[in-house]
Amino acid sequence: MADGYVTRLVKAAVLFAALFWLSPAAWAGEQVVLTYGDSLTAGYGLPAADGFVARLQASLRQRGRDVRVRNGSVSGETTAGGRARLAWTLTGQIDLVILELGANDVLRGIDPVETRRNLDNILTALRQRGLPVLLAGMRSPPNLGPIYAQAHNKIYPDLARGHGVTLYPFFLQGVAARKALNQADGIHPNAAGVQVIVDAMTPYVLDLLDRKTGE
C-alpha cells in the first residue's frame, strides 16, 4: 500500500513538473484570430476548405496551436464599408485581427486620402480595444499611374508605424500576376495561391499570438 502511495506521489510530481514547464502558449487555451477584410480573405470563388480562413487555421493547428480563425471578411468590401461595420463585428473573444482592406478601393479608383482615413479610423478603434493587429498591405497596379500608386502604396507602412502594429507588406506577395496561382479572373488566388500566402503569413501570426500570450 505504501508503494502505491509513493507511486501516486511520483506521478503527481511528474505531472506538475510537466505543466510548470509548458510554454505560455500551451497555458492560454484556444486563441481566436479574426480576419477583417474583403474577398481575398473571405475565400471568394473557393470551397470553404480551400479559403484563407480554413487554410490559415489548419496551418496554425499543424504547428500545435489551439487557434480558431474566424471569418469577419466580406467580398467586395471597401475600407469605407469595413469602417462602417467594425463595431458590430468585434464581438466575442478576439486575440488578433488580420486587417486586409484596400484592394477594392484600388479597383474603384478611390482617392488614397479616403482609403488612408478609413484605415486610420479602423486601426484607432482596434487600438482602443487593445486588440493586436497584423496589417496586410495592398499595392496599386501600374495602370493607375505612378502618382496614384505612390500615394496608395505608402498608406500601409505609414499607418503601421503610426499605430505601432505589425505590417505584412503585401498580402498577395508571390501570388499577384502569377497565372498558375490565381483563378480565371486573374485577381483572386486559387487554392495553391492561398497556400502560398498562408505559408508566408503564418510566422507573423504565430509571433503576434505569442506576444499576446506573454502579456
N, C-alpha and C. Protein backbone atom coordinates (compact mmCIF):
# COMPACT_ATOMS: atom_id res chain seq x y z
N MET A 1 0.84 -1.21 0.00
CA MET A 1 0.00 0.00 0.00
C MET A 1 0.87 1.25 0.00
N ALA A 2 1.96 1.19 0.81
CA ALA A 2 2.88 2.32 0.84
C ALA A 2 3.52 2.55 -0.51
N ASP A 3 3.85 1.43 -1.18
CA ASP A 3 4.45 1.55 -2.51
C ASP A 3 3.50 2.23 -3.48
N GLY A 4 2.21 1.90 -3.39
CA GLY A 4 1.23 2.52 -4.27
C GLY A 4 1.10 4.01 -4.01
N TYR A 5 1.17 4.37 -2.73
CA TYR A 5 1.09 5.79 -2.36
C TYR A 5 2.28 6.57 -2.92
N VAL A 6 3.45 5.98 -2.79
CA VAL A 6 4.67 6.62 -3.32
C VAL A 6 4.59 6.77 -4.83
N THR A 7 4.07 5.73 -5.50
CA THR A 7 3.93 5.78 -6.96
C THR A 7 3.02 6.92 -7.38
N ARG A 8 1.91 7.08 -6.65
CA ARG A 8 0.99 8.16 -6.98
C ARG A 8 1.63 9.53 -6.77
N LEU A 9 2.45 9.63 -5.72
CA LEU A 9 3.13 10.89 -5.45
C LEU A 9 4.11 11.22 -6.58
N VAL A 10 4.82 10.20 -7.04
CA VAL A 10 5.80 10.41 -8.13
C VAL A 10 5.09 10.85 -9.40
N LYS A 11 3.96 10.19 -9.71
CA LYS A 11 3.21 10.55 -10.91
C LYS A 11 2.69 11.99 -10.82
N ALA A 12 2.22 12.35 -9.63
CA ALA A 12 1.71 13.72 -9.44
C ALA A 12 2.82 14.73 -9.61
N ALA A 13 4.02 14.40 -9.08
CA ALA A 13 5.15 15.31 -9.21
C ALA A 13 5.58 15.48 -10.65
N VAL A 14 5.57 14.38 -11.40
CA VAL A 14 5.93 14.44 -12.82
C VAL A 14 4.94 15.30 -13.59
N LEU A 15 3.64 15.10 -13.29
CA LEU A 15 2.61 15.88 -13.97
C LEU A 15 2.76 17.36 -13.66
N PHE A 16 3.02 17.68 -12.39
CA PHE A 16 3.19 19.08 -12.00
C PHE A 16 4.38 19.70 -12.72
N ALA A 17 5.47 18.96 -12.81
CA ALA A 17 6.66 19.47 -13.48
C ALA A 17 6.39 19.72 -14.96
N ALA A 18 5.65 18.78 -15.57
CA ALA A 18 5.34 18.95 -17.00
C ALA A 18 4.51 20.20 -17.23
N LEU A 19 3.52 20.41 -16.37
CA LEU A 19 2.67 21.59 -16.50
C LEU A 19 3.46 22.86 -16.26
N PHE A 20 4.37 22.83 -15.31
CA PHE A 20 5.16 24.00 -14.96
C PHE A 20 6.02 24.47 -16.12
N TRP A 21 6.52 23.50 -16.87
CA TRP A 21 7.44 23.85 -17.95
C TRP A 21 6.76 24.05 -19.29
N LEU A 22 5.45 23.96 -19.35
CA LEU A 22 4.76 24.22 -20.60
C LEU A 22 4.99 25.66 -21.04
N SER A 23 5.03 25.88 -22.35
CA SER A 23 5.19 27.23 -22.88
C SER A 23 3.96 28.06 -22.55
N PRO A 24 4.08 29.39 -22.53
CA PRO A 24 2.92 30.25 -22.27
C PRO A 24 1.76 29.96 -23.21
N ALA A 25 2.08 29.65 -24.49
CA ALA A 25 1.01 29.38 -25.46
C ALA A 25 0.19 28.17 -25.04
N ALA A 26 0.85 27.19 -24.41
CA ALA A 26 0.13 25.99 -24.01
C ALA A 26 -0.85 26.28 -22.88
N TRP A 27 -0.56 27.30 -22.07
CA TRP A 27 -1.44 27.67 -20.96
C TRP A 27 -2.65 28.48 -21.42
N ALA A 28 -2.56 29.07 -22.60
CA ALA A 28 -3.51 30.10 -22.99
C ALA A 28 -4.89 29.57 -23.35
N GLY A 29 -5.01 28.30 -23.72
CA GLY A 29 -6.27 27.80 -24.22
C GLY A 29 -6.47 28.28 -25.65
N GLU A 30 -7.67 28.11 -26.16
CA GLU A 30 -7.94 28.50 -27.54
C GLU A 30 -7.75 30.00 -27.74
N GLN A 31 -7.06 30.34 -28.82
CA GLN A 31 -6.94 31.73 -29.23
C GLN A 31 -7.75 31.93 -30.50
N VAL A 32 -8.23 33.16 -30.68
CA VAL A 32 -9.10 33.45 -31.82
C VAL A 32 -8.48 34.55 -32.68
N VAL A 33 -8.33 34.25 -33.96
CA VAL A 33 -7.85 35.22 -34.94
C VAL A 33 -9.02 35.64 -35.80
N LEU A 34 -9.25 36.93 -35.89
CA LEU A 34 -10.32 37.46 -36.74
C LEU A 34 -9.73 38.02 -38.03
N THR A 35 -10.20 37.50 -39.17
CA THR A 35 -9.83 38.13 -40.43
C THR A 35 -10.85 39.22 -40.72
N TYR A 36 -10.35 40.40 -41.04
CA TYR A 36 -11.25 41.52 -41.30
C TYR A 36 -10.83 42.14 -42.62
N GLY A 37 -11.51 41.71 -43.68
CA GLY A 37 -11.08 42.15 -45.00
C GLY A 37 -12.15 41.99 -46.05
N ASP A 38 -11.67 41.68 -47.26
CA ASP A 38 -12.55 41.58 -48.42
C ASP A 38 -12.52 40.15 -48.98
N SER A 39 -12.76 40.02 -50.29
CA SER A 39 -12.86 38.70 -50.90
C SER A 39 -11.56 37.90 -50.81
N LEU A 40 -10.43 38.57 -50.68
CA LEU A 40 -9.16 37.86 -50.62
C LEU A 40 -9.04 37.00 -49.37
N THR A 41 -9.59 37.47 -48.27
CA THR A 41 -9.60 36.67 -47.05
C THR A 41 -10.93 35.98 -46.81
N ALA A 42 -11.97 36.39 -47.53
CA ALA A 42 -13.28 35.73 -47.40
C ALA A 42 -13.32 34.42 -48.17
N GLY A 43 -12.37 34.22 -49.09
CA GLY A 43 -12.31 32.96 -49.83
C GLY A 43 -13.17 32.93 -51.08
N TYR A 44 -13.32 34.08 -51.73
CA TYR A 44 -14.15 34.18 -52.94
C TYR A 44 -13.75 33.14 -53.99
N GLY A 45 -14.76 32.44 -54.54
CA GLY A 45 -14.54 31.51 -55.64
C GLY A 45 -13.95 30.18 -55.25
N LEU A 46 -13.82 29.92 -53.95
CA LEU A 46 -13.19 28.68 -53.50
C LEU A 46 -14.11 27.92 -52.54
N PRO A 47 -13.98 26.59 -52.49
CA PRO A 47 -14.66 25.85 -51.43
C PRO A 47 -14.14 26.34 -50.08
N ALA A 48 -14.98 26.28 -49.08
CA ALA A 48 -14.59 26.80 -47.76
C ALA A 48 -13.26 26.20 -47.28
N ALA A 49 -13.05 24.92 -47.57
CA ALA A 49 -11.84 24.24 -47.09
C ALA A 49 -10.57 24.78 -47.74
N ASP A 50 -10.70 25.45 -48.88
CA ASP A 50 -9.54 25.97 -49.59
C ASP A 50 -9.33 27.46 -49.39
N GLY A 51 -10.24 28.11 -48.66
CA GLY A 51 -10.14 29.54 -48.45
C GLY A 51 -9.08 29.90 -47.43
N PHE A 52 -8.79 31.19 -47.33
CA PHE A 52 -7.75 31.68 -46.44
C PHE A 52 -8.02 31.32 -44.98
N VAL A 53 -9.26 31.46 -44.55
CA VAL A 53 -9.61 31.20 -43.15
C VAL A 53 -9.29 29.76 -42.76
N ALA A 54 -9.79 28.81 -43.54
CA ALA A 54 -9.57 27.40 -43.23
C ALA A 54 -8.11 27.01 -43.35
N ARG A 55 -7.44 27.52 -44.38
CA ARG A 55 -6.03 27.15 -44.59
C ARG A 55 -5.14 27.73 -43.49
N LEU A 56 -5.42 28.96 -43.07
CA LEU A 56 -4.61 29.54 -42.00
C LEU A 56 -4.84 28.78 -40.70
N GLN A 57 -6.08 28.46 -40.40
CA GLN A 57 -6.36 27.71 -39.18
C GLN A 57 -5.65 26.37 -39.21
N ALA A 58 -5.69 25.69 -40.35
CA ALA A 58 -5.00 24.39 -40.47
C ALA A 58 -3.51 24.55 -40.28
N SER A 59 -2.94 25.60 -40.85
CA SER A 59 -1.51 25.84 -40.72
C SER A 59 -1.11 26.05 -39.27
N LEU A 60 -1.88 26.81 -38.54
CA LEU A 60 -1.58 27.08 -37.14
C LEU A 60 -1.75 25.82 -36.28
N ARG A 61 -2.78 25.06 -36.56
CA ARG A 61 -3.01 23.84 -35.78
C ARG A 61 -1.96 22.77 -36.08
N GLN A 62 -1.48 22.74 -37.31
CA GLN A 62 -0.40 21.81 -37.65
C GLN A 62 0.86 22.10 -36.86
N ARG A 63 0.97 23.31 -36.37
CA ARG A 63 2.12 23.70 -35.55
C ARG A 63 1.81 23.59 -34.06
N GLY A 64 0.75 22.87 -33.77
CA GLY A 64 0.43 22.57 -32.38
C GLY A 64 -0.30 23.66 -31.64
N ARG A 65 -0.85 24.64 -32.37
CA ARG A 65 -1.53 25.76 -31.71
C ARG A 65 -3.04 25.54 -31.68
N ASP A 66 -3.62 25.84 -30.54
CA ASP A 66 -5.06 25.76 -30.39
C ASP A 66 -5.65 27.11 -30.80
N VAL A 67 -5.85 27.26 -32.10
CA VAL A 67 -6.28 28.54 -32.67
C VAL A 67 -7.50 28.34 -33.56
N ARG A 68 -8.46 29.20 -33.38
CA ARG A 68 -9.62 29.23 -34.28
C ARG A 68 -9.56 30.52 -35.08
N VAL A 69 -9.64 30.40 -36.40
CA VAL A 69 -9.64 31.57 -37.27
C VAL A 69 -11.08 31.87 -37.66
N ARG A 70 -11.52 33.06 -37.33
CA ARG A 70 -12.91 33.46 -37.55
C ARG A 70 -12.99 34.40 -38.75
N ASN A 71 -13.94 34.15 -39.62
CA ASN A 71 -14.09 34.95 -40.83
C ASN A 71 -14.95 36.18 -40.58
N GLY A 72 -14.30 37.35 -40.59
CA GLY A 72 -15.03 38.60 -40.49
C GLY A 72 -14.90 39.40 -41.77
N SER A 73 -14.57 38.72 -42.86
CA SER A 73 -14.35 39.38 -44.16
C SER A 73 -15.59 39.28 -45.04
N VAL A 74 -15.76 40.27 -45.91
CA VAL A 74 -16.92 40.34 -46.81
C VAL A 74 -16.43 40.64 -48.22
N SER A 75 -16.81 39.79 -49.16
CA SER A 75 -16.41 40.02 -50.55
C SER A 75 -16.95 41.35 -51.05
N GLY A 76 -16.10 42.08 -51.76
CA GLY A 76 -16.49 43.38 -52.30
C GLY A 76 -16.31 44.54 -51.34
N GLU A 77 -15.84 44.25 -50.14
CA GLU A 77 -15.72 45.28 -49.11
C GLU A 77 -14.68 46.33 -49.45
N THR A 78 -15.01 47.59 -49.21
CA THR A 78 -14.06 48.69 -49.30
C THR A 78 -13.64 49.09 -47.89
N THR A 79 -12.68 49.97 -47.79
CA THR A 79 -12.28 50.44 -46.46
C THR A 79 -13.42 51.19 -45.79
N ALA A 80 -14.24 51.89 -46.58
CA ALA A 80 -15.39 52.61 -46.01
C ALA A 80 -16.39 51.62 -45.43
N GLY A 81 -16.65 50.53 -46.15
CA GLY A 81 -17.56 49.51 -45.65
C GLY A 81 -17.02 48.86 -44.39
N GLY A 82 -15.71 48.59 -44.38
CA GLY A 82 -15.10 47.99 -43.20
C GLY A 82 -15.19 48.91 -42.00
N ARG A 83 -15.01 50.17 -42.24
CA ARG A 83 -15.12 51.15 -41.15
C ARG A 83 -16.54 51.18 -40.59
N ALA A 84 -17.52 51.09 -41.47
CA ALA A 84 -18.92 51.21 -41.05
C ALA A 84 -19.40 50.03 -40.22
N ARG A 85 -18.89 48.84 -40.50
CA ARG A 85 -19.41 47.66 -39.81
C ARG A 85 -18.50 47.15 -38.69
N LEU A 86 -17.46 47.88 -38.38
CA LEU A 86 -16.47 47.38 -37.42
C LEU A 86 -17.07 47.08 -36.05
N ALA A 87 -17.85 48.01 -35.53
CA ALA A 87 -18.33 47.88 -34.15
C ALA A 87 -19.11 46.60 -33.93
N TRP A 88 -19.97 46.23 -34.87
CA TRP A 88 -20.78 45.03 -34.64
C TRP A 88 -20.07 43.75 -35.06
N THR A 89 -18.88 43.86 -35.62
CA THR A 89 -18.09 42.66 -35.94
C THR A 89 -17.19 42.27 -34.78
N LEU A 90 -16.79 43.25 -33.98
CA LEU A 90 -15.86 42.99 -32.87
C LEU A 90 -16.60 42.46 -31.65
N THR A 91 -17.07 41.23 -31.75
CA THR A 91 -17.78 40.59 -30.66
C THR A 91 -17.07 39.31 -30.26
N GLY A 92 -17.27 38.90 -29.02
CA GLY A 92 -16.68 37.66 -28.55
C GLY A 92 -15.17 37.78 -28.37
N GLN A 93 -14.55 36.65 -28.11
CA GLN A 93 -13.11 36.62 -27.90
C GLN A 93 -12.36 36.90 -29.21
N ILE A 94 -11.41 37.79 -29.15
CA ILE A 94 -10.53 38.08 -30.28
C ILE A 94 -9.12 38.30 -29.72
N ASP A 95 -8.17 37.54 -30.20
CA ASP A 95 -6.79 37.67 -29.74
C ASP A 95 -5.89 38.35 -30.77
N LEU A 96 -6.34 38.40 -32.01
CA LEU A 96 -5.56 39.03 -33.08
C LEU A 96 -6.49 39.35 -34.24
N VAL A 97 -6.30 40.52 -34.84
CA VAL A 97 -7.06 40.91 -36.03
C VAL A 97 -6.11 40.99 -37.21
N ILE A 98 -6.44 40.29 -38.28
CA ILE A 98 -5.72 40.45 -39.55
C ILE A 98 -6.54 41.43 -40.38
N LEU A 99 -6.03 42.63 -40.53
CA LEU A 99 -6.74 43.68 -41.26
C LEU A 99 -6.26 43.70 -42.70
N GLU A 100 -7.16 43.33 -43.61
CA GLU A 100 -6.81 43.22 -45.04
C GLU A 100 -7.88 43.94 -45.86
N LEU A 101 -7.69 45.23 -46.04
CA LEU A 101 -8.65 46.04 -46.81
C LEU A 101 -7.90 47.02 -47.70
N GLY A 102 -8.52 47.38 -48.80
CA GLY A 102 -7.93 48.37 -49.70
C GLY A 102 -7.90 47.94 -51.14
N ALA A 103 -8.00 46.63 -51.40
CA ALA A 103 -7.95 46.15 -52.78
C ALA A 103 -9.12 46.70 -53.60
N ASN A 104 -10.31 46.72 -53.01
CA ASN A 104 -11.47 47.22 -53.76
C ASN A 104 -11.46 48.74 -53.88
N ASP A 105 -10.80 49.42 -52.97
CA ASP A 105 -10.60 50.86 -53.14
C ASP A 105 -9.80 51.13 -54.40
N VAL A 106 -8.75 50.33 -54.59
CA VAL A 106 -7.90 50.48 -55.77
C VAL A 106 -8.69 50.17 -57.04
N LEU A 107 -9.43 49.08 -57.02
CA LEU A 107 -10.20 48.69 -58.20
C LEU A 107 -11.22 49.75 -58.60
N ARG A 108 -11.70 50.50 -57.61
CA ARG A 108 -12.69 51.55 -57.88
C ARG A 108 -12.05 52.93 -58.05
N GLY A 109 -10.73 52.98 -57.93
CA GLY A 109 -10.04 54.25 -58.08
C GLY A 109 -10.36 55.25 -56.99
N ILE A 110 -10.67 54.77 -55.80
CA ILE A 110 -10.99 55.66 -54.69
C ILE A 110 -9.76 56.46 -54.28
N ASP A 111 -9.96 57.70 -53.97
CA ASP A 111 -8.87 58.59 -53.57
C ASP A 111 -8.09 57.96 -52.40
N PRO A 112 -6.77 57.82 -52.53
CA PRO A 112 -5.97 57.26 -51.43
C PRO A 112 -6.13 58.02 -50.11
N VAL A 113 -6.46 59.30 -50.19
CA VAL A 113 -6.71 60.06 -48.96
C VAL A 113 -7.87 59.45 -48.18
N GLU A 114 -8.91 59.05 -48.90
CA GLU A 114 -10.07 58.43 -48.27
C GLU A 114 -9.72 57.05 -47.71
N THR A 115 -8.96 56.28 -48.48
CA THR A 115 -8.53 54.96 -48.02
C THR A 115 -7.72 55.08 -46.73
N ARG A 116 -6.78 56.01 -46.72
CA ARG A 116 -5.96 56.22 -45.53
C ARG A 116 -6.83 56.61 -44.32
N ARG A 117 -7.76 57.50 -44.55
CA ARG A 117 -8.62 57.97 -43.45
C ARG A 117 -9.42 56.81 -42.85
N ASN A 118 -9.97 55.97 -43.71
CA ASN A 118 -10.77 54.85 -43.22
C ASN A 118 -9.92 53.83 -42.46
N LEU A 119 -8.76 53.48 -42.99
CA LEU A 119 -7.89 52.53 -42.32
C LEU A 119 -7.37 53.10 -41.00
N ASP A 120 -7.07 54.37 -40.99
CA ASP A 120 -6.62 55.02 -39.77
C ASP A 120 -7.71 54.94 -38.70
N ASN A 121 -8.95 55.16 -39.10
CA ASN A 121 -10.07 55.09 -38.17
C ASN A 121 -10.24 53.66 -37.61
N ILE A 122 -10.12 52.67 -38.49
CA ILE A 122 -10.25 51.27 -38.06
C ILE A 122 -9.14 50.91 -37.08
N LEU A 123 -7.91 51.29 -37.41
CA LEU A 123 -6.78 50.98 -36.55
C LEU A 123 -6.90 51.68 -35.19
N THR A 124 -7.40 52.88 -35.20
CA THR A 124 -7.61 53.60 -33.95
C THR A 124 -8.62 52.86 -33.07
N ALA A 125 -9.71 52.40 -33.68
CA ALA A 125 -10.74 51.68 -32.93
C ALA A 125 -10.19 50.36 -32.38
N LEU A 126 -9.38 49.68 -33.15
CA LEU A 126 -8.80 48.41 -32.69
C LEU A 126 -7.82 48.65 -31.54
N ARG A 127 -7.05 49.72 -31.65
CA ARG A 127 -6.10 50.05 -30.58
C ARG A 127 -6.84 50.39 -29.29
N GLN A 128 -7.94 51.12 -29.41
CA GLN A 128 -8.71 51.49 -28.23
C GLN A 128 -9.28 50.26 -27.52
N ARG A 129 -9.51 49.20 -28.26
CA ARG A 129 -10.00 47.96 -27.67
C ARG A 129 -8.86 47.04 -27.22
N GLY A 130 -7.64 47.48 -27.43
CA GLY A 130 -6.48 46.70 -27.01
C GLY A 130 -6.23 45.46 -27.84
N LEU A 131 -6.64 45.49 -29.12
CA LEU A 131 -6.50 44.32 -29.98
C LEU A 131 -5.24 44.39 -30.83
N PRO A 132 -4.38 43.37 -30.76
CA PRO A 132 -3.21 43.32 -31.65
C PRO A 132 -3.66 43.21 -33.11
N VAL A 133 -2.89 43.80 -34.02
CA VAL A 133 -3.27 43.83 -35.43
C VAL A 133 -2.10 43.43 -36.31
N LEU A 134 -2.40 42.60 -37.29
CA LEU A 134 -1.48 42.35 -38.40
C LEU A 134 -2.08 43.07 -39.60
N LEU A 135 -1.43 44.14 -40.04
CA LEU A 135 -1.95 44.94 -41.14
C LEU A 135 -1.37 44.41 -42.45
N ALA A 136 -2.26 43.93 -43.32
CA ALA A 136 -1.84 43.38 -44.61
C ALA A 136 -1.88 44.48 -45.67
N GLY A 137 -0.73 44.77 -46.23
CA GLY A 137 -0.65 45.83 -47.24
C GLY A 137 -1.22 45.41 -48.59
N MET A 138 -1.62 46.40 -49.36
CA MET A 138 -2.10 46.19 -50.71
C MET A 138 -1.41 47.19 -51.63
N ARG A 139 -1.05 46.75 -52.82
CA ARG A 139 -0.35 47.62 -53.75
C ARG A 139 -1.22 47.99 -54.94
N SER A 140 -1.00 49.16 -55.43
CA SER A 140 -1.73 49.64 -56.60
C SER A 140 -1.13 49.08 -57.88
N PRO A 141 -1.96 48.63 -58.83
CA PRO A 141 -1.43 48.16 -60.12
C PRO A 141 -0.90 49.35 -60.92
N PRO A 142 0.04 49.09 -61.82
CA PRO A 142 0.67 50.18 -62.55
C PRO A 142 -0.26 50.95 -63.48
N ASN A 143 -1.39 50.35 -63.88
CA ASN A 143 -2.28 51.02 -64.83
C ASN A 143 -2.95 52.27 -64.26
N LEU A 144 -2.91 52.43 -62.92
CA LEU A 144 -3.50 53.62 -62.32
C LEU A 144 -2.53 54.79 -62.28
N GLY A 145 -1.32 54.56 -62.72
CA GLY A 145 -0.35 55.64 -62.82
C GLY A 145 0.52 55.77 -61.58
N PRO A 146 1.69 56.39 -61.75
CA PRO A 146 2.65 56.48 -60.65
C PRO A 146 2.21 57.38 -59.50
N ILE A 147 1.46 58.42 -59.80
CA ILE A 147 1.04 59.34 -58.74
C ILE A 147 0.06 58.63 -57.79
N TYR A 148 -0.92 57.95 -58.38
CA TYR A 148 -1.88 57.20 -57.56
C TYR A 148 -1.16 56.10 -56.79
N ALA A 149 -0.30 55.36 -57.48
CA ALA A 149 0.40 54.24 -56.85
C ALA A 149 1.26 54.71 -55.68
N GLN A 150 1.95 55.80 -55.84
CA GLN A 150 2.81 56.31 -54.77
C GLN A 150 1.98 56.69 -53.55
N ALA A 151 0.86 57.36 -53.80
CA ALA A 151 0.01 57.79 -52.69
C ALA A 151 -0.61 56.59 -51.97
N HIS A 152 -1.05 55.60 -52.75
CA HIS A 152 -1.70 54.44 -52.15
C HIS A 152 -0.70 53.54 -51.43
N ASN A 153 0.41 53.25 -52.06
CA ASN A 153 1.34 52.25 -51.53
C ASN A 153 1.99 52.66 -50.22
N LYS A 154 2.07 53.93 -49.97
CA LYS A 154 2.71 54.37 -48.72
C LYS A 154 1.75 54.38 -47.54
N ILE A 155 0.46 54.16 -47.82
CA ILE A 155 -0.53 54.17 -46.74
C ILE A 155 -0.19 53.15 -45.67
N TYR A 156 0.09 51.94 -46.08
CA TYR A 156 0.23 50.83 -45.13
C TYR A 156 1.47 50.95 -44.24
N PRO A 157 2.66 51.18 -44.80
CA PRO A 157 3.81 51.37 -43.91
C PRO A 157 3.67 52.59 -43.01
N ASP A 158 3.06 53.65 -43.53
CA ASP A 158 2.85 54.85 -42.71
C ASP A 158 1.95 54.55 -41.52
N LEU A 159 0.83 53.88 -41.78
CA LEU A 159 -0.11 53.58 -40.71
C LEU A 159 0.45 52.55 -39.73
N ALA A 160 1.19 51.59 -40.24
CA ALA A 160 1.79 50.59 -39.34
C ALA A 160 2.73 51.26 -38.35
N ARG A 161 3.53 52.20 -38.85
CA ARG A 161 4.43 52.93 -37.95
C ARG A 161 3.65 53.81 -36.99
N GLY A 162 2.67 54.51 -37.51
CA GLY A 162 1.91 55.45 -36.69
C GLY A 162 1.12 54.77 -35.58
N HIS A 163 0.64 53.56 -35.84
CA HIS A 163 -0.18 52.86 -34.84
C HIS A 163 0.61 51.78 -34.10
N GLY A 164 1.85 51.60 -34.47
CA GLY A 164 2.67 50.61 -33.78
C GLY A 164 2.19 49.18 -33.98
N VAL A 165 1.70 48.86 -35.21
CA VAL A 165 1.24 47.50 -35.49
C VAL A 165 2.20 46.82 -36.46
N THR A 166 2.10 45.52 -36.53
CA THR A 166 2.95 44.75 -37.44
C THR A 166 2.41 44.82 -38.86
N LEU A 167 3.30 45.03 -39.80
CA LEU A 167 2.93 45.14 -41.21
C LEU A 167 3.35 43.87 -41.97
N TYR A 168 2.38 43.27 -42.67
CA TYR A 168 2.69 42.26 -43.68
C TYR A 168 2.67 43.03 -44.99
N PRO A 169 3.82 43.31 -45.60
CA PRO A 169 3.91 44.34 -46.64
C PRO A 169 2.93 44.24 -47.81
N PHE A 170 2.70 43.01 -48.31
CA PHE A 170 1.81 42.88 -49.47
C PHE A 170 1.09 41.55 -49.37
N PHE A 171 -0.21 41.58 -49.20
CA PHE A 171 -0.98 40.35 -48.99
C PHE A 171 -0.77 39.35 -50.12
N LEU A 172 -0.66 39.83 -51.34
CA LEU A 172 -0.55 38.94 -52.50
C LEU A 172 0.90 38.68 -52.93
N GLN A 173 1.83 38.90 -52.01
CA GLN A 173 3.23 38.68 -52.33
C GLN A 173 3.45 37.24 -52.81
N GLY A 174 4.12 37.11 -53.96
CA GLY A 174 4.41 35.79 -54.50
C GLY A 174 3.26 35.18 -55.28
N VAL A 175 2.12 35.86 -55.30
CA VAL A 175 0.93 35.32 -55.97
C VAL A 175 0.42 36.24 -57.07
N ALA A 176 0.46 37.55 -56.84
CA ALA A 176 -0.05 38.51 -57.82
C ALA A 176 0.62 38.33 -59.18
N ALA A 177 -0.20 38.35 -60.22
CA ALA A 177 0.25 38.27 -61.62
C ALA A 177 0.86 36.92 -61.99
N ARG A 178 0.71 35.92 -61.14
CA ARG A 178 1.18 34.58 -61.47
C ARG A 178 -0.02 33.71 -61.82
N LYS A 179 -0.16 33.43 -63.10
CA LYS A 179 -1.35 32.77 -63.61
C LYS A 179 -1.63 31.45 -62.90
N ALA A 180 -0.62 30.68 -62.62
CA ALA A 180 -0.81 29.36 -62.01
C ALA A 180 -1.34 29.44 -60.59
N LEU A 181 -1.26 30.61 -59.97
CA LEU A 181 -1.68 30.75 -58.57
C LEU A 181 -2.96 31.55 -58.42
N ASN A 182 -3.59 31.88 -59.56
CA ASN A 182 -4.81 32.69 -59.50
C ASN A 182 -5.97 32.03 -60.23
N GLN A 183 -7.17 32.43 -59.83
CA GLN A 183 -8.36 31.97 -60.52
C GLN A 183 -8.43 32.62 -61.91
N ALA A 184 -9.44 32.26 -62.67
CA ALA A 184 -9.54 32.73 -64.05
C ALA A 184 -9.64 34.24 -64.16
N ASP A 185 -10.12 34.91 -63.12
CA ASP A 185 -10.24 36.37 -63.18
C ASP A 185 -8.90 37.08 -63.05
N GLY A 186 -7.86 36.34 -62.68
CA GLY A 186 -6.54 36.93 -62.55
C GLY A 186 -6.37 37.81 -61.34
N ILE A 187 -7.36 37.84 -60.46
CA ILE A 187 -7.34 38.70 -59.28
C ILE A 187 -7.31 37.90 -57.98
N HIS A 188 -8.16 36.88 -57.93
CA HIS A 188 -8.30 36.12 -56.68
C HIS A 188 -7.43 34.86 -56.71
N PRO A 189 -6.71 34.61 -55.64
CA PRO A 189 -5.87 33.41 -55.58
C PRO A 189 -6.70 32.13 -55.67
N ASN A 190 -6.14 31.12 -56.33
CA ASN A 190 -6.74 29.80 -56.29
C ASN A 190 -6.23 29.09 -55.03
N ALA A 191 -6.56 27.82 -54.88
CA ALA A 191 -6.17 27.10 -53.66
C ALA A 191 -4.66 27.09 -53.47
N ALA A 192 -3.93 26.91 -54.56
CA ALA A 192 -2.46 26.90 -54.46
C ALA A 192 -1.95 28.28 -54.06
N GLY A 193 -2.57 29.32 -54.61
CA GLY A 193 -2.16 30.68 -54.27
C GLY A 193 -2.44 31.01 -52.81
N VAL A 194 -3.59 30.56 -52.32
CA VAL A 194 -3.92 30.79 -50.91
C VAL A 194 -2.87 30.13 -50.02
N GLN A 195 -2.44 28.94 -50.40
CA GLN A 195 -1.45 28.24 -49.58
C GLN A 195 -0.12 28.99 -49.55
N VAL A 196 0.25 29.60 -50.66
CA VAL A 196 1.48 30.40 -50.69
C VAL A 196 1.37 31.55 -49.70
N ILE A 197 0.23 32.22 -49.70
CA ILE A 197 0.01 33.34 -48.78
C ILE A 197 0.03 32.87 -47.33
N VAL A 198 -0.66 31.79 -47.06
CA VAL A 198 -0.73 31.26 -45.70
C VAL A 198 0.65 30.86 -45.19
N ASP A 199 1.42 30.19 -46.02
CA ASP A 199 2.76 29.77 -45.61
C ASP A 199 3.64 30.96 -45.25
N ALA A 200 3.50 32.04 -46.01
CA ALA A 200 4.31 33.22 -45.76
C ALA A 200 3.83 34.01 -44.56
N MET A 201 2.53 34.00 -44.31
CA MET A 201 1.96 34.82 -43.24
C MET A 201 1.96 34.12 -41.89
N THR A 202 1.98 32.81 -41.88
CA THR A 202 1.89 32.06 -40.62
C THR A 202 2.93 32.50 -39.58
N PRO A 203 4.20 32.70 -39.94
CA PRO A 203 5.16 33.14 -38.91
C PRO A 203 4.79 34.48 -38.27
N TYR A 204 4.23 35.38 -39.04
CA TYR A 204 3.79 36.67 -38.49
C TYR A 204 2.69 36.45 -37.46
N VAL A 205 1.73 35.59 -37.81
CA VAL A 205 0.60 35.32 -36.92
C VAL A 205 1.08 34.66 -35.63
N LEU A 206 1.96 33.68 -35.77
CA LEU A 206 2.48 32.99 -34.58
C LEU A 206 3.21 33.96 -33.65
N ASP A 207 4.00 34.84 -34.23
CA ASP A 207 4.75 35.80 -33.42
C ASP A 207 3.80 36.70 -32.63
N LEU A 208 2.75 37.18 -33.27
CA LEU A 208 1.81 38.07 -32.60
C LEU A 208 0.99 37.34 -31.54
N LEU A 209 0.62 36.10 -31.81
CA LEU A 209 -0.10 35.32 -30.81
C LEU A 209 0.77 35.02 -29.60
N ASP A 210 2.04 34.75 -29.84
CA ASP A 210 2.97 34.52 -28.73
C ASP A 210 3.13 35.78 -27.88
N ARG A 211 3.19 36.93 -28.54
CA ARG A 211 3.29 38.18 -27.79
C ARG A 211 2.04 38.40 -26.94
N LYS A 212 0.90 38.08 -27.51
CA LYS A 212 -0.37 38.23 -26.80
C LYS A 212 -0.39 37.32 -25.57
N THR A 213 0.07 36.10 -25.75
CA THR A 213 0.09 35.12 -24.65
C THR A 213 1.03 35.56 -23.55
N GLY A 214 2.14 36.20 -23.93
CA GLY A 214 3.15 36.58 -22.96
C GLY A 214 2.86 37.85 -22.21
N GLU A 215 1.76 38.52 -22.50
CA GLU A 215 1.43 39.77 -21.83
C GLU A 215 1.20 39.56 -20.33
